[in-house]
Amino acid sequence: MTSTLFNRQKRLYLYIFIALTFIVLITIYLWPPKKQSVRILNKYVECDHVKNPTAPITPSKLLKDKNDLQLIHAMTNGLKKPFATNAEFDSTITKLTRNYTLVEVKDCRLYHLKQLKHSQPYLIPEAVDMLNEIAVRFQEKQKEKKLGNYCFFLTSLLRTEETQNKLSRRNGNAAEHSTHFYGTTVDISYKHFYNLDNDSIEPKWELIQALTQTLVEMREECKLLAVKERKQACFHITVVECMPMPEESTSKDSL
């Protein structure tokens, strides 16, 4: 009796084992294949600005890009809605920096900020990438030409509609609908430069030429739009971005 019961239990365990094995095999067979992970390329650093811009642009050796063209790029690539008031900016800036919509720009060895009366020291990430590239290439030209060790000043970055209205009353160059609303645009002074070696502020014609040459080269590469403003002694510069192109992080199996 005991032997018969043992054999029945043994057969039962065998049937359970076979059933579980069958279930596992069916699950593996029917389970959806793992999707390849996708990395979105940086829209400024890892792209061809001439072939794949987000808005119309053609290579040029001139720094004469009008506000209308810069505005198209700013509205396409920057903040979707300008800040109406300074209070609105103050209430949302923490959230926007946490989710990396805007990046705070601070003094460093690449550039310094002049006292900002009508703007806030923030840009979209791609505009910061552009600014860093301008600064690095500008300092490389200083080394090539043995001009010393200087960085440039930033005189205006992100603006609210409230500050723009105040500025328009004083500055005839200030457009009513400004690219500065969108965090895509920065003004770089060519009036004075900061000497990193002796902590002084100096005008220098050779540095103006080096900065101009840097911007012209990057304009030919369609990495930026720029215009030279004479009354304010600055270059008004808007970032150019590329269409986001997904790149598979794992290659497909070869056939």
C-alpha atoms as a PDB file:
ATOM      1  CA  MET A   1       0.000   0.000   0.000  1.00  0.00           C
ATOM      2  CA  THR A   2       2.802   2.320   0.942  1.00  0.00           C
ATOM      3  CA  SER A   3       4.700   1.478  -2.258  1.00  0.00           C
ATOM      4  CA  THR A   4       1.637   2.197  -4.434  1.00  0.00           C
ATOM      5  CA  LEU A   5       1.124   5.583  -2.739  1.00  0.00           C
ATOM      6  CA  PHE A   6       4.791   6.436  -3.227  1.00  0.00           C
ATOM      7  CA  ASN A   7       4.606   5.626  -6.952  1.00  0.00           C
ATOM      8  CA  ARG A   8       1.507   7.793  -7.355  1.00  0.00           C
ATOM      9  CA  GLN A   9       3.238  10.739  -5.654  1.00  0.00           C
ATOM     10  CA  LYS A  10       6.301  10.209  -7.824  1.00  0.00           C
ATOM     11  CA  ARG A  11       4.210  10.281 -11.011  1.00  0.00           C
ATOM     12  CA  LEU A  12       2.375  13.394  -9.748  1.00  0.00           C
ATOM     13  CA  TYR A  13       5.654  15.236  -9.152  1.00  0.00           C
ATOM     14  CA  LEU A  14       6.833  14.191 -12.602  1.00  0.00           C
ATOM     15  CA  TYR A  15       3.652  15.539 -14.224  1.00  0.00           C
ATOM     16  CA  ILE A  16       3.990  18.827 -12.286  1.00  0.00           C
ATOM     17  CA  PHE A  17       7.622  19.151 -13.382  1.00  0.00           C
ATOM     18  CA  ILE A  18       6.714  18.533 -17.025  1.00  0.00           C
ATOM     19  CA  ALA A  19       3.870  21.040 -16.840  1.00  0.00           C
ATOM     20  CA  LEU A  20       6.066  23.745 -15.285  1.00  0.00           C
ATOM     21  CA  THR A  21       8.788  23.147 -17.860  1.00  0.00           C
ATOM     22  CA  PHE A  22       6.214  23.487 -20.643  1.00  0.00           C
ATOM     23  CA  ILE A  23       4.885  26.735 -19.169  1.00  0.00           C
ATOM     24  CA  VAL A  24       8.421  28.205 -18.909  1.00  0.00           C
ATOM     25  CA  LEU A  25       9.239  27.289 -22.515  1.00  0.00           C
ATOM     26  CA  ILE A  26       5.984  28.769 -23.819  1.00  0.00           C
ATOM     27  CA  THR A  27       6.564  31.974 -21.793  1.00  0.00           C
ATOM     28  CA  ILE A  28      10.075  32.397 -23.196  1.00  0.00           C
ATOM     29  CA  TYR A  29       8.844  31.778 -26.720  1.00  0.00           C
ATOM     30  CA  LEU A  30       5.930  34.214 -26.493  1.00  0.00           C
ATOM     31  CA  TRP A  31       7.700  36.923 -24.418  1.00  0.00           C
ATOM     32  CA  PRO A  32       8.157  40.113 -26.500  1.00  0.00           C
ATOM     33  CA  PRO A  33      11.771  40.789 -27.544  1.00  0.00           C
ATOM     34  CA  LYS A  34      13.650  43.399 -25.550  1.00  0.00           C
ATOM     35  CA  LYS A  35      13.551  46.759 -27.280  1.00  0.00           C
ATOM     36  CA  GLN A  36      16.839  48.393 -28.144  1.00  0.00           C
ATOM     37  CA  SER A  37      17.550  51.388 -25.961  1.00  0.00           C
ATOM     38  CA  VAL A  38      17.642  54.714 -27.753  1.00  0.00           C
ATOM     39  CA  ARG A  39      19.756  57.744 -26.887  1.00  0.00           C
ATOM     40  CA  ILE A  40      18.670  61.142 -28.152  1.00  0.00           C
ATOM     41  CA  LEU A  41      21.647  63.038 -29.487  1.00  0.00           C
ATOM     42  CA  ASN A  42      22.511  66.443 -28.051  1.00  0.00           C
ATOM     43  CA  LYS A  43      20.786  68.933 -30.344  1.00  0.00           C
ATOM     44  CA  TYR A  44      23.790  71.262 -30.371  1.00  0.00           C
ATOM     45  CA  VAL A  45      26.967  69.249 -29.850  1.00  0.00           C
ATOM     46  CA  GLU A  46      26.273  66.061 -31.791  1.00  0.00           C
ATOM     47  CA  CYS A  47      24.751  67.248 -35.024  1.00  0.00           C
ATOM     48  CA  ASP A  48      25.355  68.766 -38.447  1.00  0.00           C
ATOM     49  CA  HIS A  49      23.948  72.288 -38.282  1.00  0.00           C
ATOM     50  CA  VAL A  50      24.293  72.886 -42.016  1.00  0.00           C
ATOM     51  CA  LYS A  51      22.352  69.769 -43.043  1.00  0.00           C
ATOM     52  CA  ASN A  52      19.898  69.313 -40.196  1.00  0.00           C
ATOM     53  CA  PRO A  53      18.837  72.621 -38.537  1.00  0.00           C
ATOM     54  CA  THR A  54      15.481  72.947 -36.824  1.00  0.00           C
ATOM     55  CA  ALA A  55      14.763  76.169 -38.743  1.00  0.00           C
ATOM     56  CA  PRO A  56      15.987  77.665 -42.049  1.00  0.00           C
ATOM     57  CA  ILE A  57      19.594  78.835 -42.172  1.00  0.00           C
ATOM     58  CA  THR A  58      22.360  78.950 -44.778  1.00  0.00           C
ATOM     59  CA  PRO A  59      26.123  79.383 -44.194  1.00  0.00           C
ATOM     60  CA  SER A  60      27.313  82.996 -44.201  1.00  0.00           C
ATOM     61  CA  LYS A  61      30.489  84.954 -43.514  1.00  0.00           C
ATOM     62  CA  LEU A  62      28.497  87.989 -42.389  1.00  0.00           C
ATOM     63  CA  LEU A  63      27.298  88.748 -38.873  1.00  0.00           C
ATOM     64  CA  LYS A  64      24.144  90.507 -40.042  1.00  0.00           C
ATOM     65  CA  ASP A  65      21.329  88.153 -39.057  1.00  0.00           C
ATOM     66  CA  LYS A  66      18.190  90.224 -38.578  1.00  0.00           C
ATOM     67  CA  ASN A  67      15.845  89.871 -35.625  1.00  0.00           C
ATOM     68  CA  ASP A  68      13.147  88.160 -37.733  1.00  0.00           C
ATOM     69  CA  LEU A  69      15.421  85.221 -38.576  1.00  0.00           C
ATOM     70  CA  GLN A  70      16.833  84.974 -35.070  1.00  0.00           C
ATOM     71  CA  LEU A  71      13.293  85.059 -33.703  1.00  0.00           C
ATOM     72  CA  ILE A  72      12.264  82.053 -35.825  1.00  0.00           C
ATOM     73  CA  HIS A  73      15.087  79.993 -34.293  1.00  0.00           C
ATOM     74  CA  ALA A  74      14.431  81.311 -30.793  1.00  0.00           C
ATOM     75  CA  MET A  75      10.741  80.448 -30.894  1.00  0.00           C
ATOM     76  CA  THR A  76      11.429  77.034 -32.439  1.00  0.00           C
ATOM     77  CA  ASN A  77      14.104  75.977 -29.960  1.00  0.00           C
ATOM     78  CA  GLY A  78      13.607  77.961 -26.765  1.00  0.00           C
ATOM     79  CA  LEU A  79      11.017  78.396 -24.056  1.00  0.00           C
ATOM     80  CA  LYS A  80       7.507  77.854 -25.354  1.00  0.00           C
ATOM     81  CA  LYS A  81       6.099  80.796 -23.430  1.00  0.00           C
ATOM     82  CA  PRO A  82       7.986  83.945 -22.387  1.00  0.00           C
ATOM     83  CA  PHE A  83       7.842  85.122 -18.788  1.00  0.00           C
ATOM     84  CA  ALA A  84       5.335  87.941 -18.623  1.00  0.00           C
ATOM     85  CA  THR A  85       6.633  89.383 -15.347  1.00  0.00           C
ATOM     86  CA  ASN A  86       9.654  89.171 -13.085  1.00  0.00           C
ATOM     87  CA  ALA A  87       7.409  87.688 -10.397  1.00  0.00           C
ATOM     88  CA  GLU A  88       6.435  84.851 -12.731  1.00  0.00           C
ATOM     89  CA  PHE A  89      10.100  84.157 -13.402  1.00  0.00           C
ATOM     90  CA  ASP A  90      10.924  84.120  -9.688  1.00  0.00           C
ATOM     91  CA  SER A  91       8.101  81.677  -8.929  1.00  0.00           C
ATOM     92  CA  THR A  92       9.071  79.100 -11.573  1.00  0.00           C
ATOM     93  CA  ILE A  93      12.849  79.306 -12.049  1.00  0.00           C
ATOM     94  CA  THR A  94      13.639  76.670  -9.416  1.00  0.00           C
ATOM     95  CA  LYS A  95      11.434  74.115 -11.163  1.00  0.00           C
ATOM     96  CA  LEU A  96      12.865  74.973 -14.589  1.00  0.00           C
ATOM     97  CA  THR A  97      16.449  74.508 -13.433  1.00  0.00           C
ATOM     98  CA  ARG A  98      15.636  71.240 -11.674  1.00  0.00           C
ATOM     99  CA  ASN A  99      14.205  69.709 -14.841  1.00  0.00           C
ATOM    100  CA  TYR A 100      17.071  71.179 -16.901  1.00  0.00           C
ATOM    101  CA  THR A 101      14.852  73.442 -19.007  1.00  0.00           C
ATOM    102  CA  LEU A 102      17.118  76.365 -18.081  1.00  0.00           C
ATOM    103  CA  VAL A 103      20.709  76.474 -16.852  1.00  0.00           C
ATOM    104  CA  GLU A 104      22.170  79.199 -14.663  1.00  0.00           C
ATOM    105  CA  VAL A 105      25.172  80.951 -16.205  1.00  0.00           C
ATOM    106  CA  LYS A 106      27.894  81.970 -13.747  1.00  0.00           C
ATOM    107  CA  ASP A 107      31.262  83.696 -13.839  1.00  0.00           C
ATOM    108  CA  CYS A 108      34.058  81.336 -14.877  1.00  0.00           C
ATOM    109  CA  ARG A 109      37.344  81.412 -16.773  1.00  0.00           C
ATOM    110  CA  LEU A 110      35.452  81.309 -20.076  1.00  0.00           C
ATOM    111  CA  TYR A 111      33.309  84.408 -19.501  1.00  0.00           C
ATOM    112  CA  HIS A 112      32.141  86.896 -16.883  1.00  0.00           C
ATOM    113  CA  LEU A 113      28.754  88.507 -16.414  1.00  0.00           C
ATOM    114  CA  LYS A 114      28.456  92.269 -16.289  1.00  0.00           C
ATOM    115  CA  GLN A 115      25.901  93.713 -13.924  1.00  0.00           C
ATOM    116  CA  LEU A 116      22.602  92.491 -15.372  1.00  0.00           C
ATOM    117  CA  LYS A 117      19.948  95.191 -14.966  1.00  0.00           C
ATOM    118  CA  HIS A 118      17.448  93.951 -17.550  1.00  0.00           C
ATOM    119  CA  SER A 119      17.987  90.202 -17.774  1.00  0.00           C
ATOM    120  CA  GLN A 120      18.472  87.017 -15.772  1.00  0.00           C
ATOM    121  CA  PRO A 121      21.598  84.788 -15.996  1.00  0.00           C
ATOM    122  CA  TYR A 122      19.834  81.777 -17.513  1.00  0.00           C
ATOM    123  CA  LEU A 123      19.855  80.041 -20.910  1.00  0.00           C
ATOM    124  CA  ILE A 124      18.549  76.803 -22.376  1.00  0.00           C
ATOM    125  CA  PRO A 125      21.193  74.004 -22.256  1.00  0.00           C
ATOM    126  CA  GLU A 126      21.954  74.194 -25.989  1.00  0.00           C
ATOM    127  CA  ALA A 127      22.641  77.931 -25.755  1.00  0.00           C
ATOM    128  CA  VAL A 128      25.087  77.234 -22.922  1.00  0.00           C
ATOM    129  CA  ASP A 129      26.817  74.664 -25.159  1.00  0.00           C
ATOM    130  CA  MET A 130      27.080  77.304 -27.878  1.00  0.00           C
ATOM    131  CA  LEU A 131      28.404  79.899 -25.429  1.00  0.00           C
ATOM    132  CA  ASN A 132      31.048  77.504 -24.130  1.00  0.00           C
ATOM    133  CA  GLU A 133      32.205  76.683 -27.655  1.00  0.00           C
ATOM    134  CA  ILE A 134      32.488  80.373 -28.538  1.00  0.00           C
ATOM    135  CA  ALA A 135      34.563  80.988 -25.420  1.00  0.00           C
ATOM    136  CA  VAL A 136      36.883  78.013 -25.912  1.00  0.00           C
ATOM    137  CA  ARG A 137      37.539  78.829 -29.565  1.00  0.00           C
ATOM    138  CA  PHE A 138      38.076  82.508 -28.685  1.00  0.00           C
ATOM    139  CA  GLN A 139      40.706  81.595 -26.095  1.00  0.00           C
ATOM    140  CA  GLU A 140      42.391  79.202 -28.517  1.00  0.00           C
ATOM    141  CA  LYS A 141      42.800  82.084 -30.957  1.00  0.00           C
ATOM    142  CA  GLN A 142      44.402  84.161 -28.206  1.00  0.00           C
ATOM    143  CA  LYS A 143      47.004  81.446 -27.708  1.00  0.00           C
ATOM    144  CA  GLU A 144      47.646  81.162 -31.447  1.00  0.00           C
ATOM    145  CA  LYS A 145      48.123  84.923 -31.774  1.00  0.00           C
ATOM    146  CA  LYS A 146      49.843  85.317 -28.375  1.00  0.00           C
ATOM    147  CA  LEU A 147      47.341  87.941 -27.250  1.00  0.00           C
ATOM    148  CA  GLY A 148      47.335  87.061 -23.573  1.00  0.00           C
ATOM    149  CA  ASN A 149      44.699  85.382 -21.430  1.00  0.00           C
ATOM    150  CA  TYR A 150      41.296  87.064 -21.606  1.00  0.00           C
ATOM    151  CA  CYS A 151      37.624  86.207 -21.420  1.00  0.00           C
ATOM    152  CA  PHE A 152      34.649  88.237 -22.629  1.00  0.00           C
ATOM    153  CA  PHE A 153      31.693  89.765 -20.813  1.00  0.00           C
ATOM    154  CA  LEU A 154      28.047  88.750 -21.129  1.00  0.00           C
ATOM    155  CA  THR A 155      25.781  91.777 -20.988  1.00  0.00           C
ATOM    156  CA  SER A 156      22.307  90.284 -21.485  1.00  0.00           C
ATOM    157  CA  LEU A 157      20.684  86.832 -21.343  1.00  0.00           C
ATOM    158  CA  LEU A 158      17.102  85.803 -20.517  1.00  0.00           C
ATOM    159  CA  ARG A 159      14.572  88.630 -20.298  1.00  0.00           C
ATOM    160  CA  THR A 160      10.972  88.867 -19.169  1.00  0.00           C
ATOM    161  CA  GLU A 161       8.397  90.897 -21.062  1.00  0.00           C
ATOM    162  CA  GLU A 162       8.345  93.276 -18.105  1.00  0.00           C
ATOM    163  CA  THR A 163      12.060  94.042 -18.293  1.00  0.00           C
ATOM    164  CA  GLN A 164      11.954  94.208 -22.087  1.00  0.00           C
ATOM    165  CA  ASN A 165       9.284  96.905 -21.926  1.00  0.00           C
ATOM    166  CA  LYS A 166      11.421  98.925 -19.549  1.00  0.00           C
ATOM    167  CA  LEU A 167      14.487  98.466 -21.731  1.00  0.00           C
ATOM    168  CA  SER A 168      12.636  99.475 -24.917  1.00  0.00           C
ATOM    169  CA  ARG A 169      12.008 102.905 -23.456  1.00  0.00           C
ATOM    170  CA  ARG A 170      15.763 103.468 -23.085  1.00  0.00           C
ATOM    171  CA  ASN A 171      17.367 101.416 -25.853  1.00  0.00           C
ATOM    172  CA  GLY A 172      16.295 101.918 -29.464  1.00  0.00           C
ATOM    173  CA  ASN A 173      17.927  98.599 -30.451  1.00  0.00           C
ATOM    174  CA  ALA A 174      15.648  96.628 -28.126  1.00  0.00           C
ATOM    175  CA  ALA A 175      12.983  94.907 -30.234  1.00  0.00           C
ATOM    176  CA  GLU A 176       9.467  94.667 -28.838  1.00  0.00           C
ATOM    177  CA  HIS A 177       9.420  90.917 -29.490  1.00  0.00           C
ATOM    178  CA  SER A 178      12.873  89.885 -28.353  1.00  0.00           C
ATOM    179  CA  THR A 179      14.750  86.627 -28.864  1.00  0.00           C
ATOM    180  CA  HIS A 180      15.947  87.093 -25.278  1.00  0.00           C
ATOM    181  CA  PHE A 181      12.481  85.940 -24.136  1.00  0.00           C
ATOM    182  CA  TYR A 182      13.264  82.334 -25.060  1.00  0.00           C
ATOM    183  CA  GLY A 183      16.571  81.633 -23.313  1.00  0.00           C
ATOM    184  CA  THR A 184      18.284  81.099 -26.661  1.00  0.00           C
ATOM    185  CA  THR A 185      20.107  84.391 -26.959  1.00  0.00           C
ATOM    186  CA  VAL A 186      23.068  86.107 -25.352  1.00  0.00           C
ATOM    187  CA  ASP A 187      24.788  89.458 -25.865  1.00  0.00           C
ATOM    188  CA  ILE A 188      28.603  89.393 -25.784  1.00  0.00           C
ATOM    189  CA  SER A 189      30.379  92.702 -25.309  1.00  0.00           C
ATOM    190  CA  TYR A 190      33.280  93.674 -27.538  1.00  0.00           C
ATOM    191  CA  LYS A 191      33.913  96.948 -25.724  1.00  0.00           C
ATOM    192  CA  HIS A 192      36.076  95.540 -22.937  1.00  0.00           C
ATOM    193  CA  PHE A 193      37.606  92.190 -22.016  1.00  0.00           C
ATOM    194  CA  TYR A 194      38.578  90.696 -18.687  1.00  0.00           C
ATOM    195  CA  ASN A 195      42.281  89.954 -18.179  1.00  0.00           C
ATOM    196  CA  LEU A 196      42.440  86.664 -16.300  1.00  0.00           C
ATOM    197  CA  ASP A 197      46.100  87.121 -15.375  1.00  0.00           C
ATOM    198  CA  ASN A 198      45.972  90.478 -13.592  1.00  0.00           C
ATOM    199  CA  ASP A 199      42.248  90.906 -12.818  1.00  0.00           C
ATOM    200  CA  SER A 200      41.801  93.984 -14.996  1.00  0.00           C
ATOM    201  CA  ILE A 201      39.289  95.155 -17.586  1.00  0.00           C
ATOM    202  CA  GLU A 202      40.812  96.286 -20.863  1.00  0.00           C
ATOM    203  CA  PRO A 203      39.788  97.363 -24.368  1.00  0.00           C
ATOM    204  CA  LYS A 204      41.852  95.607 -27.038  1.00  0.00           C
ATOM    205  CA  TRP A 205      41.388  95.786 -30.804  1.00  0.00           C
ATOM    206  CA  GLU A 206      43.164  92.468 -31.409  1.00  0.00           C
ATOM    207  CA  LEU A 207      40.696  90.695 -29.100  1.00  0.00           C
ATOM    208  CA  ILE A 208      37.742  92.203 -30.965  1.00  0.00           C
ATOM    209  CA  GLN A 209      39.184  90.736 -34.170  1.00  0.00           C
ATOM    210  CA  ALA A 210      39.714  87.333 -32.551  1.00  0.00           C
ATOM    211  CA  LEU A 211      36.167  87.260 -31.200  1.00  0.00           C
ATOM    212  CA  THR A 212      34.746  88.405 -34.537  1.00  0.00           C
ATOM    213  CA  GLN A 213      36.709  85.717 -36.373  1.00  0.00           C
ATOM    214  CA  THR A 214      35.428  83.080 -33.960  1.00  0.00           C
ATOM    215  CA  LEU A 215      31.814  84.096 -34.529  1.00  0.00           C
ATOM    216  CA  VAL A 216      32.255  84.272 -38.310  1.00  0.00           C
ATOM    217  CA  GLU A 217      33.660  80.729 -38.372  1.00  0.00           C
ATOM    218  CA  MET A 218      30.779  79.401 -36.281  1.00  0.00           C
ATOM    219  CA  ARG A 219      28.284  81.333 -38.435  1.00  0.00           C
ATOM    220  CA  GLU A 220      29.728  79.648 -41.527  1.00  0.00           C
ATOM    221  CA  GLU A 221      29.149  76.329 -39.738  1.00  0.00           C
ATOM    222  CA  CYS A 222      25.528  77.420 -39.009  1.00  0.00           C
ATOM    223  CA  LYS A 223      26.051  76.968 -35.272  1.00  0.00           C
ATOM    224  CA  LEU A 224      24.692  80.411 -34.447  1.00  0.00           C
ATOM    225  CA  LEU A 225      23.010  83.533 -35.753  1.00  0.00           C
ATOM    226  CA  ALA A 226      24.620  86.867 -34.918  1.00  0.00           C
ATOM    227  CA  VAL A 227      24.486  90.581 -35.526  1.00  0.00           C
ATOM    228  CA  LYS A 228      26.979  93.223 -34.452  1.00  0.00           C
ATOM    229  CA  GLU A 229      25.233  96.002 -32.536  1.00  0.00           C
ATOM    230  CA  ARG A 230      27.217  99.211 -32.578  1.00  0.00           C
ATOM    231  CA  LYS A 231      25.308 101.393 -30.106  1.00  0.00           C
ATOM    232  CA  GLN A 232      25.495  98.748 -27.380  1.00  0.00           C
ATOM    233  CA  ALA A 233      28.959  97.494 -28.468  1.00  0.00           C
ATOM    234  CA  CYS A 234      27.912  93.854 -28.377  1.00  0.00           C
ATOM    235  CA  PHE A 235      27.279  90.817 -30.541  1.00  0.00           C
ATOM    236  CA  HIS A 236      23.647  89.688 -30.322  1.00  0.00           C
ATOM    237  CA  ILE A 237      23.780  85.882 -30.736  1.00  0.00           C
ATOM    238  CA  THR A 238      21.094  83.192 -30.976  1.00  0.00           C
ATOM    239  CA  VAL A 239      21.781  79.460 -30.862  1.00  0.00           C
ATOM    240  CA  VAL A 240      21.006  77.181 -33.814  1.00  0.00           C
ATOM    241  CA  GLU A 241      19.877  73.643 -32.996  1.00  0.00           C
ATOM    242  CA  CYS A 242      19.526  70.443 -34.995  1.00  0.00           C
ATOM    243  CA  MET A 243      16.583  68.110 -35.373  1.00  0.00           C
ATOM    244  CA  PRO A 244      16.788  65.386 -32.681  1.00  0.00           C
ATOM    245  CA  MET A 245      18.111  62.228 -34.296  1.00  0.00           C
ATOM    246  CA  PRO A 246      17.741  58.991 -32.294  1.00  0.00           C
ATOM    247  CA  GLU A 247      20.793  56.770 -32.195  1.00  0.00           C
ATOM    248  CA  GLU A 248      20.510  53.089 -31.278  1.00  0.00           C
ATOM    249  CA  SER A 249      22.873  52.391 -28.403  1.00  0.00           C
ATOM    250  CA  THR A 250      23.095  48.703 -29.370  1.00  0.00           C
ATOM    251  CA  SER A 251      23.890  47.666 -32.926  1.00  0.00           C
ATOM    252  CA  LYS A 252      21.633  45.254 -34.775  1.00  0.00           C
ATOM    253  CA  ASP A 253      22.793  41.687 -35.248  1.00  0.00           C
ATOM    254  CA  SER A 254      24.642  41.260 -38.512  1.00  0.00           C
ATOM    255  CA  LEU A 255      22.866  39.144 -41.104  1.00  0.00           C
END
